[in-house]
Structure formats: structure tokens, C-alpha cells
Amino acid sequence: DPELDTTTNVKQLFPNRARENGRYYSTDFTLTELKSLSVSERFNPENKQPIYPSRFPLNGYNFKISTLEEEIQFIQGLNKSTGKNVGIYPEIKKPFWHKQQGKDISKIVIEILNKYGYKSKDDKIYLQTFDFDELKRIRNELGYKGKLIMLIGENNWNES
């Protein structure tokens, strides 16, 4: 997600970097800064209570942000060492919002997928997003030939 303040300790490490609305966004930080954050299960930034209490515990762990490329390398390494062929199911989050920030997240994702061999409908990947217009753009403008999934969810999520 582009918002960092509901899943990381960004407020503690970078207290003066919030936008006017009080939120912290991934596009406002360098990769080095993002990698310094600790990641947890989603929580309410106001009271620090878990949004989904029955999921993974909030405290006692020091997970870090990884990049899509690092995750693909990890999965492909496991596939090689185990003899399996596990696929990937990435989601492009809020592509319209990213465009408003001057970032073409879909183009970046497609370049990484192509680099690691996820190029066709025969490859073990499903690429998903809530944004139908962006799915059309991924196929028609960016020329991606892999399997695409249209996600459908609550309207109040403001995903597209």
C-alpha cells in the first residue's frame, strides 16, 4: 500500500515527514529509508490497535520491506532449490494515485516481471489490480501478455 503509517513504524523514525493530511506515503521516501522501517500487521494509526486482531500478531517481530524484485528472486531461488515451480500473484496498488504522484507503477512492475521471465499467459503469474482502466492500459499500451485479474471490492476503499 502507498500509505506507510498503518503497517510500519514510519511515524517514529520520520516524525516530520507526514503530508498535510498527517499521512506518510511511500513515494515520499527513498528505498534506503523504506528499508529502515519495520513492518507489521495493519493497525489503526490513532490508537495502535490491530485492524484485524485475529491475524498475525502486531508486536515482537522485526520484518522489513522488500521489493518486488527481491521477492521474485527469493521465489525463483526456492523454486530452483526445491525443484518446484511456484508462481506469483502480485497486485498493482492504486495505479491512478501513483500517476498523480508522477510515478508509473504499472510500467515499473511490467519491466521487473519481464526481466524475470513473467511475460506470457503460460508463465506462472497472475497480475491483479482494482483499476479496470489500468488493466486495459497494461495489456494495450504496455503490451503485457501475461494473465490479468480484475479485483472487485468495497467502493469505500477508493482503489480506482
N, C-alpha and C. Protein backbone atom coordinates (compact mmCIF):
# COMPACT_ATOMS: atom_id res chain seq x y z
N ASP A 1 0.83 -1.19 0.00
CA ASP A 1 0.00 0.00 0.00
C ASP A 1 0.87 1.25 0.00
N PRO A 2 0.44 2.32 -0.62
CA PRO A 2 1.24 3.54 -0.61
C PRO A 2 1.33 4.21 0.75
N GLU A 3 0.33 3.98 1.60
CA GLU A 3 0.34 4.58 2.94
C GLU A 3 1.20 3.71 3.86
N LEU A 4 2.10 4.34 4.58
CA LEU A 4 3.04 3.61 5.43
C LEU A 4 2.66 3.60 6.90
N ASP A 5 1.80 4.53 7.31
CA ASP A 5 1.56 4.72 8.74
C ASP A 5 0.61 3.71 9.37
N THR A 6 0.08 2.78 8.59
CA THR A 6 -0.79 1.74 9.17
C THR A 6 -0.13 0.37 9.20
N THR A 7 1.10 0.27 8.70
CA THR A 7 1.79 -1.02 8.68
C THR A 7 3.27 -0.94 9.06
N THR A 8 3.76 0.26 9.37
CA THR A 8 5.18 0.41 9.70
C THR A 8 5.37 1.38 10.87
N ASN A 9 6.61 1.50 11.28
CA ASN A 9 6.99 2.45 12.34
C ASN A 9 7.48 3.78 11.76
N VAL A 10 6.97 4.17 10.60
CA VAL A 10 7.42 5.39 9.92
C VAL A 10 7.25 6.63 10.79
N LYS A 11 6.19 6.69 11.57
CA LYS A 11 5.94 7.88 12.40
C LYS A 11 7.02 8.05 13.47
N GLN A 12 7.54 6.95 13.97
CA GLN A 12 8.59 7.01 14.98
C GLN A 12 9.94 7.39 14.36
N LEU A 13 10.25 6.83 13.18
CA LEU A 13 11.55 7.10 12.57
C LEU A 13 11.61 8.42 11.82
N PHE A 14 10.50 8.84 11.24
CA PHE A 14 10.46 10.06 10.43
C PHE A 14 9.27 10.94 10.86
N PRO A 15 9.27 11.43 12.09
CA PRO A 15 8.09 12.14 12.61
C PRO A 15 7.73 13.42 11.85
N ASN A 16 8.68 14.02 11.17
CA ASN A 16 8.42 15.29 10.49
C ASN A 16 8.18 15.14 8.99
N ARG A 17 7.93 13.92 8.53
CA ARG A 17 7.78 13.68 7.09
C ARG A 17 6.34 13.42 6.65
N ALA A 18 5.39 13.62 7.52
CA ALA A 18 3.98 13.41 7.14
C ALA A 18 3.55 14.53 6.20
N ARG A 19 2.60 14.21 5.36
CA ARG A 19 2.00 15.23 4.50
C ARG A 19 1.01 16.05 5.32
N GLU A 20 0.42 17.06 4.70
CA GLU A 20 -0.52 17.94 5.39
C GLU A 20 -1.69 17.19 6.01
N ASN A 21 -2.06 16.07 5.41
CA ASN A 21 -3.18 15.28 5.94
C ASN A 21 -2.76 14.36 7.09
N GLY A 22 -1.48 14.43 7.48
CA GLY A 22 -0.99 13.62 8.59
C GLY A 22 -0.55 12.23 8.21
N ARG A 23 -0.66 11.86 6.93
CA ARG A 23 -0.32 10.52 6.48
C ARG A 23 1.11 10.49 5.92
N TYR A 24 1.67 9.29 5.88
CA TYR A 24 3.02 9.05 5.36
C TYR A 24 2.88 8.16 4.12
N TYR A 25 3.53 8.55 3.02
CA TYR A 25 3.37 7.84 1.75
C TYR A 25 4.71 7.33 1.23
N SER A 26 4.68 6.15 0.66
CA SER A 26 5.91 5.50 0.18
C SER A 26 6.65 6.34 -0.85
N THR A 27 5.93 7.09 -1.67
CA THR A 27 6.57 7.87 -2.73
C THR A 27 7.38 9.05 -2.19
N ASP A 28 7.24 9.35 -0.91
CA ASP A 28 7.98 10.46 -0.30
C ASP A 28 9.29 10.03 0.34
N PHE A 29 9.65 8.75 0.18
CA PHE A 29 10.85 8.21 0.83
C PHE A 29 11.74 7.51 -0.18
N THR A 30 13.04 7.47 0.12
CA THR A 30 13.97 6.72 -0.71
C THR A 30 13.86 5.24 -0.36
N LEU A 31 14.40 4.39 -1.22
CA LEU A 31 14.40 2.96 -0.93
C LEU A 31 15.18 2.67 0.34
N THR A 32 16.28 3.35 0.55
CA THR A 32 17.06 3.16 1.78
C THR A 32 16.23 3.51 3.01
N GLU A 33 15.50 4.61 2.95
CA GLU A 33 14.64 4.99 4.07
C GLU A 33 13.54 3.96 4.29
N LEU A 34 12.93 3.50 3.20
CA LEU A 34 11.87 2.49 3.32
C LEU A 34 12.40 1.21 3.95
N LYS A 35 13.61 0.82 3.59
CA LYS A 35 14.18 -0.41 4.12
C LYS A 35 14.58 -0.29 5.59
N SER A 36 14.63 0.92 6.11
CA SER A 36 14.94 1.10 7.54
C SER A 36 13.70 0.88 8.42
N LEU A 37 12.52 0.83 7.80
CA LEU A 37 11.27 0.69 8.55
C LEU A 37 11.04 -0.76 8.97
N SER A 38 10.33 -0.93 10.06
CA SER A 38 9.84 -2.25 10.46
C SER A 38 8.38 -2.37 10.04
N VAL A 39 8.01 -3.54 9.57
CA VAL A 39 6.67 -3.79 9.04
C VAL A 39 5.91 -4.70 9.99
N SER A 40 4.61 -4.42 10.14
CA SER A 40 3.76 -5.26 10.99
C SER A 40 2.41 -5.46 10.32
N GLU A 41 1.57 -6.22 11.00
CA GLU A 41 0.17 -6.35 10.59
C GLU A 41 -0.47 -4.96 10.62
N ARG A 42 -1.50 -4.75 9.83
CA ARG A 42 -2.17 -3.45 9.75
C ARG A 42 -2.76 -3.05 11.10
N PHE A 43 -2.56 -1.76 11.47
CA PHE A 43 -3.08 -1.23 12.73
C PHE A 43 -3.68 0.15 12.51
N ASN A 44 -4.48 0.58 13.47
CA ASN A 44 -5.07 1.91 13.45
C ASN A 44 -3.99 2.90 13.91
N PRO A 45 -3.61 3.88 13.08
CA PRO A 45 -2.53 4.79 13.48
C PRO A 45 -2.89 5.69 14.66
N GLU A 46 -4.17 5.84 14.94
CA GLU A 46 -4.61 6.68 16.06
C GLU A 46 -4.40 5.99 17.40
N ASN A 47 -4.82 4.72 17.49
CA ASN A 47 -4.76 4.03 18.79
C ASN A 47 -3.82 2.83 18.81
N LYS A 48 -3.18 2.54 17.68
CA LYS A 48 -2.21 1.44 17.55
C LYS A 48 -2.82 0.05 17.73
N GLN A 49 -4.13 -0.06 17.68
CA GLN A 49 -4.80 -1.35 17.81
C GLN A 49 -4.86 -2.04 16.44
N PRO A 50 -4.74 -3.37 16.43
CA PRO A 50 -4.79 -4.08 15.14
C PRO A 50 -6.14 -3.92 14.46
N ILE A 51 -6.11 -3.75 13.16
CA ILE A 51 -7.34 -3.67 12.37
C ILE A 51 -7.99 -5.05 12.29
N TYR A 52 -7.16 -6.08 12.18
CA TYR A 52 -7.64 -7.46 12.08
C TYR A 52 -7.01 -8.26 13.22
N PRO A 53 -7.60 -8.23 14.42
CA PRO A 53 -6.98 -8.83 15.60
C PRO A 53 -6.71 -10.33 15.50
N SER A 54 -7.44 -11.04 14.66
CA SER A 54 -7.23 -12.49 14.57
C SER A 54 -6.12 -12.87 13.59
N ARG A 55 -5.53 -11.89 12.94
CA ARG A 55 -4.42 -12.17 12.02
C ARG A 55 -3.11 -12.19 12.79
N PHE A 56 -2.02 -12.03 12.08
CA PHE A 56 -0.67 -12.10 12.63
C PHE A 56 -0.51 -11.10 13.78
N PRO A 57 0.19 -11.46 14.86
CA PRO A 57 0.39 -10.54 15.99
C PRO A 57 1.13 -9.26 15.56
N LEU A 58 0.81 -8.16 16.21
CA LEU A 58 1.43 -6.87 15.89
C LEU A 58 2.87 -6.76 16.35
N ASN A 59 3.17 -7.24 17.53
CA ASN A 59 4.46 -6.94 18.16
C ASN A 59 5.36 -8.17 18.25
N GLY A 60 6.65 -7.88 18.49
CA GLY A 60 7.61 -8.94 18.71
C GLY A 60 8.34 -9.40 17.47
N TYR A 61 8.17 -8.70 16.36
CA TYR A 61 8.80 -9.10 15.12
C TYR A 61 9.49 -7.90 14.49
N ASN A 62 10.49 -8.17 13.66
CA ASN A 62 11.23 -7.10 13.00
C ASN A 62 11.28 -7.38 11.50
N PHE A 63 10.12 -7.40 10.86
CA PHE A 63 10.06 -7.62 9.43
C PHE A 63 10.40 -6.33 8.71
N LYS A 64 10.98 -6.46 7.52
CA LYS A 64 11.39 -5.31 6.72
C LYS A 64 10.65 -5.30 5.39
N ILE A 65 10.62 -4.15 4.76
CA ILE A 65 10.03 -4.01 3.43
C ILE A 65 10.97 -4.64 2.42
N SER A 66 10.41 -5.43 1.53
CA SER A 66 11.20 -5.99 0.44
C SER A 66 10.63 -5.45 -0.88
N THR A 67 11.44 -5.48 -1.90
CA THR A 67 11.00 -5.02 -3.21
C THR A 67 10.38 -6.18 -3.97
N LEU A 68 9.62 -5.88 -5.01
CA LEU A 68 9.08 -6.93 -5.87
C LEU A 68 10.22 -7.77 -6.44
N GLU A 69 11.28 -7.12 -6.86
CA GLU A 69 12.42 -7.83 -7.43
C GLU A 69 13.04 -8.80 -6.42
N GLU A 70 13.18 -8.38 -5.18
CA GLU A 70 13.73 -9.26 -4.14
C GLU A 70 12.81 -10.45 -3.88
N GLU A 71 11.51 -10.22 -3.88
CA GLU A 71 10.56 -11.31 -3.67
C GLU A 71 10.62 -12.31 -4.82
N ILE A 72 10.70 -11.82 -6.05
CA ILE A 72 10.81 -12.71 -7.21
C ILE A 72 12.10 -13.52 -7.13
N GLN A 73 13.22 -12.87 -6.80
CA GLN A 73 14.48 -13.59 -6.67
C GLN A 73 14.38 -14.68 -5.61
N PHE A 74 13.74 -14.38 -4.50
CA PHE A 74 13.56 -15.34 -3.42
C PHE A 74 12.73 -16.54 -3.90
N ILE A 75 11.60 -16.27 -4.53
CA ILE A 75 10.72 -17.34 -5.01
C ILE A 75 11.41 -18.18 -6.08
N GLN A 76 12.09 -17.53 -7.01
CA GLN A 76 12.78 -18.29 -8.05
C GLN A 76 13.93 -19.11 -7.47
N GLY A 77 14.59 -18.58 -6.44
CA GLY A 77 15.64 -19.35 -5.76
C GLY A 77 15.08 -20.56 -5.06
N LEU A 78 13.94 -20.39 -4.38
CA LEU A 78 13.28 -21.53 -3.73
C LEU A 78 12.82 -22.55 -4.77
N ASN A 79 12.29 -22.07 -5.88
CA ASN A 79 11.87 -22.99 -6.94
C ASN A 79 13.05 -23.84 -7.42
N LYS A 80 14.19 -23.20 -7.59
CA LYS A 80 15.38 -23.93 -8.05
C LYS A 80 15.84 -24.94 -7.01
N SER A 81 15.91 -24.52 -5.75
CA SER A 81 16.46 -25.40 -4.71
C SER A 81 15.50 -26.52 -4.31
N THR A 82 14.20 -26.33 -4.53
CA THR A 82 13.23 -27.36 -4.15
C THR A 82 12.72 -28.18 -5.33
N GLY A 83 13.03 -27.73 -6.54
CA GLY A 83 12.54 -28.43 -7.72
C GLY A 83 11.07 -28.15 -8.01
N LYS A 84 10.52 -27.17 -7.35
CA LYS A 84 9.11 -26.81 -7.57
C LYS A 84 9.02 -25.64 -8.54
N ASN A 85 7.81 -25.32 -8.94
CA ASN A 85 7.60 -24.18 -9.82
C ASN A 85 6.41 -23.37 -9.31
N VAL A 86 6.63 -22.70 -8.20
CA VAL A 86 5.59 -21.88 -7.58
C VAL A 86 5.51 -20.55 -8.32
N GLY A 87 4.31 -20.10 -8.58
CA GLY A 87 4.11 -18.85 -9.28
C GLY A 87 3.98 -17.66 -8.35
N ILE A 88 3.68 -16.51 -8.93
CA ILE A 88 3.50 -15.29 -8.15
C ILE A 88 2.15 -14.66 -8.50
N TYR A 89 1.66 -13.83 -7.58
CA TYR A 89 0.33 -13.22 -7.74
C TYR A 89 0.40 -11.77 -7.23
N PRO A 90 1.20 -10.92 -7.89
CA PRO A 90 1.36 -9.54 -7.41
C PRO A 90 0.13 -8.67 -7.71
N GLU A 91 -0.03 -7.65 -6.89
CA GLU A 91 -1.10 -6.67 -7.09
C GLU A 91 -0.50 -5.29 -7.31
N ILE A 92 -0.95 -4.62 -8.34
CA ILE A 92 -0.58 -3.22 -8.55
C ILE A 92 -1.57 -2.38 -7.75
N LYS A 93 -1.05 -1.74 -6.71
CA LYS A 93 -1.89 -0.96 -5.79
C LYS A 93 -2.03 0.48 -6.28
N LYS A 94 -3.25 0.92 -6.36
CA LYS A 94 -3.61 2.32 -6.62
C LYS A 94 -2.81 2.96 -7.76
N PRO A 95 -2.87 2.40 -8.96
CA PRO A 95 -2.08 2.97 -10.06
C PRO A 95 -2.46 4.41 -10.40
N PHE A 96 -3.74 4.76 -10.29
CA PHE A 96 -4.16 6.14 -10.57
C PHE A 96 -3.51 7.10 -9.58
N TRP A 97 -3.51 6.74 -8.31
CA TRP A 97 -2.88 7.57 -7.28
C TRP A 97 -1.39 7.75 -7.59
N HIS A 98 -0.72 6.66 -7.95
CA HIS A 98 0.71 6.75 -8.28
C HIS A 98 0.95 7.69 -9.46
N LYS A 99 0.08 7.63 -10.47
CA LYS A 99 0.23 8.55 -11.60
C LYS A 99 0.12 9.99 -11.15
N GLN A 100 -0.79 10.26 -10.20
CA GLN A 100 -0.93 11.61 -9.67
C GLN A 100 0.35 12.05 -8.95
N GLN A 101 1.13 11.12 -8.46
CA GLN A 101 2.39 11.42 -7.78
C GLN A 101 3.57 11.46 -8.76
N GLY A 102 3.29 11.27 -10.05
CA GLY A 102 4.34 11.29 -11.06
C GLY A 102 5.06 9.97 -11.21
N LYS A 103 4.46 8.88 -10.76
CA LYS A 103 5.08 7.55 -10.83
C LYS A 103 4.21 6.63 -11.67
N ASP A 104 4.81 5.92 -12.60
CA ASP A 104 4.08 4.94 -13.41
C ASP A 104 4.38 3.56 -12.84
N ILE A 105 3.66 3.20 -11.78
CA ILE A 105 3.94 1.95 -11.08
C ILE A 105 3.71 0.73 -11.99
N SER A 106 2.73 0.80 -12.87
CA SER A 106 2.47 -0.34 -13.75
C SER A 106 3.64 -0.58 -14.69
N LYS A 107 4.17 0.47 -15.26
CA LYS A 107 5.32 0.33 -16.16
C LYS A 107 6.51 -0.27 -15.42
N ILE A 108 6.75 0.20 -14.20
CA ILE A 108 7.86 -0.32 -13.39
C ILE A 108 7.65 -1.80 -13.10
N VAL A 109 6.44 -2.18 -12.71
CA VAL A 109 6.14 -3.58 -12.40
C VAL A 109 6.33 -4.45 -13.64
N ILE A 110 5.81 -4.03 -14.78
CA ILE A 110 5.92 -4.81 -16.01
C ILE A 110 7.39 -4.99 -16.40
N GLU A 111 8.20 -3.96 -16.26
CA GLU A 111 9.63 -4.08 -16.57
C GLU A 111 10.29 -5.15 -15.69
N ILE A 112 9.95 -5.17 -14.41
CA ILE A 112 10.52 -6.17 -13.49
C ILE A 112 10.02 -7.57 -13.86
N LEU A 113 8.73 -7.70 -14.13
CA LEU A 113 8.18 -9.01 -14.50
C LEU A 113 8.85 -9.53 -15.77
N ASN A 114 9.01 -8.68 -16.76
CA ASN A 114 9.67 -9.08 -18.00
C ASN A 114 11.11 -9.52 -17.74
N LYS A 115 11.81 -8.78 -16.90
CA LYS A 115 13.20 -9.09 -16.58
C LYS A 115 13.35 -10.50 -16.01
N TYR A 116 12.36 -10.95 -15.25
CA TYR A 116 12.44 -12.25 -14.59
C TYR A 116 11.62 -13.33 -15.30
N GLY A 117 11.22 -13.06 -16.54
CA GLY A 117 10.61 -14.10 -17.36
C GLY A 117 9.11 -14.27 -17.21
N TYR A 118 8.44 -13.34 -16.56
CA TYR A 118 6.98 -13.41 -16.43
C TYR A 118 6.37 -12.56 -17.54
N LYS A 119 6.28 -13.15 -18.74
CA LYS A 119 5.92 -12.37 -19.92
C LYS A 119 4.67 -12.84 -20.65
N SER A 120 4.28 -14.09 -20.47
CA SER A 120 3.21 -14.64 -21.30
C SER A 120 2.13 -15.29 -20.47
N LYS A 121 1.04 -15.67 -21.13
CA LYS A 121 -0.07 -16.34 -20.45
C LYS A 121 0.33 -17.72 -19.95
N ASP A 122 1.44 -18.25 -20.44
CA ASP A 122 1.91 -19.56 -20.00
C ASP A 122 2.78 -19.49 -18.74
N ASP A 123 3.20 -18.29 -18.36
CA ASP A 123 4.06 -18.14 -17.19
C ASP A 123 3.23 -18.19 -15.91
N LYS A 124 3.88 -18.58 -14.83
CA LYS A 124 3.19 -18.78 -13.54
C LYS A 124 3.03 -17.45 -12.81
N ILE A 125 2.12 -16.65 -13.33
CA ILE A 125 1.84 -15.35 -12.73
C ILE A 125 0.42 -14.93 -13.06
N TYR A 126 -0.20 -14.31 -12.08
CA TYR A 126 -1.45 -13.59 -12.27
C TYR A 126 -1.19 -12.19 -11.74
N LEU A 127 -1.34 -11.18 -12.59
CA LEU A 127 -1.14 -9.78 -12.20
C LEU A 127 -2.51 -9.16 -11.96
N GLN A 128 -2.69 -8.56 -10.79
CA GLN A 128 -4.02 -8.08 -10.40
C GLN A 128 -4.02 -6.61 -9.99
N THR A 129 -5.18 -5.99 -10.17
CA THR A 129 -5.42 -4.63 -9.70
C THR A 129 -6.93 -4.39 -9.64
N PHE A 130 -7.34 -3.39 -8.88
CA PHE A 130 -8.74 -2.98 -8.81
C PHE A 130 -9.11 -2.03 -9.95
N ASP A 131 -8.13 -1.53 -10.68
CA ASP A 131 -8.35 -0.47 -11.66
C ASP A 131 -8.52 -1.05 -13.07
N PHE A 132 -9.77 -1.10 -13.55
CA PHE A 132 -10.05 -1.69 -14.86
C PHE A 132 -9.35 -0.94 -15.98
N ASP A 133 -9.37 0.39 -15.94
CA ASP A 133 -8.70 1.18 -16.97
C ASP A 133 -7.21 0.87 -17.02
N GLU A 134 -6.63 0.63 -15.85
CA GLU A 134 -5.20 0.31 -15.82
C GLU A 134 -4.94 -1.08 -16.38
N LEU A 135 -5.83 -2.02 -16.14
CA LEU A 135 -5.67 -3.35 -16.75
C LEU A 135 -5.67 -3.24 -18.27
N LYS A 136 -6.58 -2.44 -18.82
CA LYS A 136 -6.61 -2.24 -20.27
C LYS A 136 -5.31 -1.59 -20.74
N ARG A 137 -4.81 -0.63 -19.99
CA ARG A 137 -3.55 0.04 -20.35
C ARG A 137 -2.38 -0.94 -20.31
N ILE A 138 -2.35 -1.79 -19.28
CA ILE A 138 -1.28 -2.78 -19.15
C ILE A 138 -1.25 -3.69 -20.38
N ARG A 139 -2.41 -4.11 -20.82
CA ARG A 139 -2.49 -5.00 -21.97
C ARG A 139 -2.21 -4.26 -23.27
N ASN A 140 -2.90 -3.14 -23.48
CA ASN A 140 -2.87 -2.48 -24.79
C ASN A 140 -1.69 -1.53 -24.98
N GLU A 141 -1.41 -0.71 -23.99
CA GLU A 141 -0.33 0.28 -24.14
C GLU A 141 1.03 -0.29 -23.74
N LEU A 142 1.06 -1.00 -22.60
CA LEU A 142 2.34 -1.55 -22.13
C LEU A 142 2.64 -2.90 -22.77
N GLY A 143 1.66 -3.51 -23.42
CA GLY A 143 1.88 -4.73 -24.18
C GLY A 143 2.11 -5.99 -23.37
N TYR A 144 1.68 -6.00 -22.13
CA TYR A 144 1.90 -7.18 -21.29
C TYR A 144 0.99 -8.32 -21.72
N LYS A 145 1.57 -9.52 -21.90
CA LYS A 145 0.83 -10.68 -22.42
C LYS A 145 0.45 -11.68 -21.34
N GLY A 146 0.86 -11.44 -20.09
CA GLY A 146 0.55 -12.37 -19.01
C GLY A 146 -0.92 -12.31 -18.60
N LYS A 147 -1.28 -13.19 -17.68
CA LYS A 147 -2.66 -13.25 -17.19
C LYS A 147 -2.95 -12.06 -16.28
N LEU A 148 -4.09 -11.41 -16.51
CA LEU A 148 -4.51 -10.24 -15.73
C LEU A 148 -5.79 -10.56 -14.98
N ILE A 149 -5.88 -10.06 -13.75
CA ILE A 149 -7.05 -10.28 -12.90
C ILE A 149 -7.63 -8.94 -12.48
N MET A 150 -8.94 -8.78 -12.67
CA MET A 150 -9.65 -7.60 -12.21
C MET A 150 -10.18 -7.87 -10.81
N LEU A 151 -9.69 -7.13 -9.84
CA LEU A 151 -10.18 -7.27 -8.47
C LEU A 151 -11.43 -6.43 -8.27
N ILE A 152 -12.32 -6.91 -7.45
CA ILE A 152 -13.55 -6.20 -7.13
C ILE A 152 -13.66 -6.14 -5.62
N GLY A 153 -13.97 -4.97 -5.07
CA GLY A 153 -14.04 -4.83 -3.62
C GLY A 153 -15.00 -3.74 -3.21
N GLU A 154 -14.88 -3.36 -1.96
CA GLU A 154 -15.71 -2.30 -1.39
C GLU A 154 -15.43 -0.97 -2.08
N ASN A 155 -16.45 -0.21 -2.37
CA ASN A 155 -16.27 1.10 -3.00
C ASN A 155 -15.56 2.09 -2.09
N ASN A 156 -15.73 1.95 -0.77
CA ASN A 156 -15.11 2.92 0.14
C ASN A 156 -13.60 2.74 0.23
N TRP A 157 -13.05 1.72 -0.43
CA TRP A 157 -11.60 1.54 -0.46
C TRP A 157 -10.95 2.57 -1.38
N ASN A 158 -11.72 3.16 -2.29
CA ASN A 158 -11.21 4.15 -3.24
C ASN A 158 -10.01 3.64 -4.00
N GLU A 159 -10.08 2.42 -4.48
CA GLU A 159 -8.96 1.81 -5.18
C GLU A 159 -8.79 2.32 -6.60
N SER A 160 -9.87 2.73 -7.24
CA SER A 160 -9.72 3.18 -8.62
C SER A 160 -10.67 4.31 -8.92
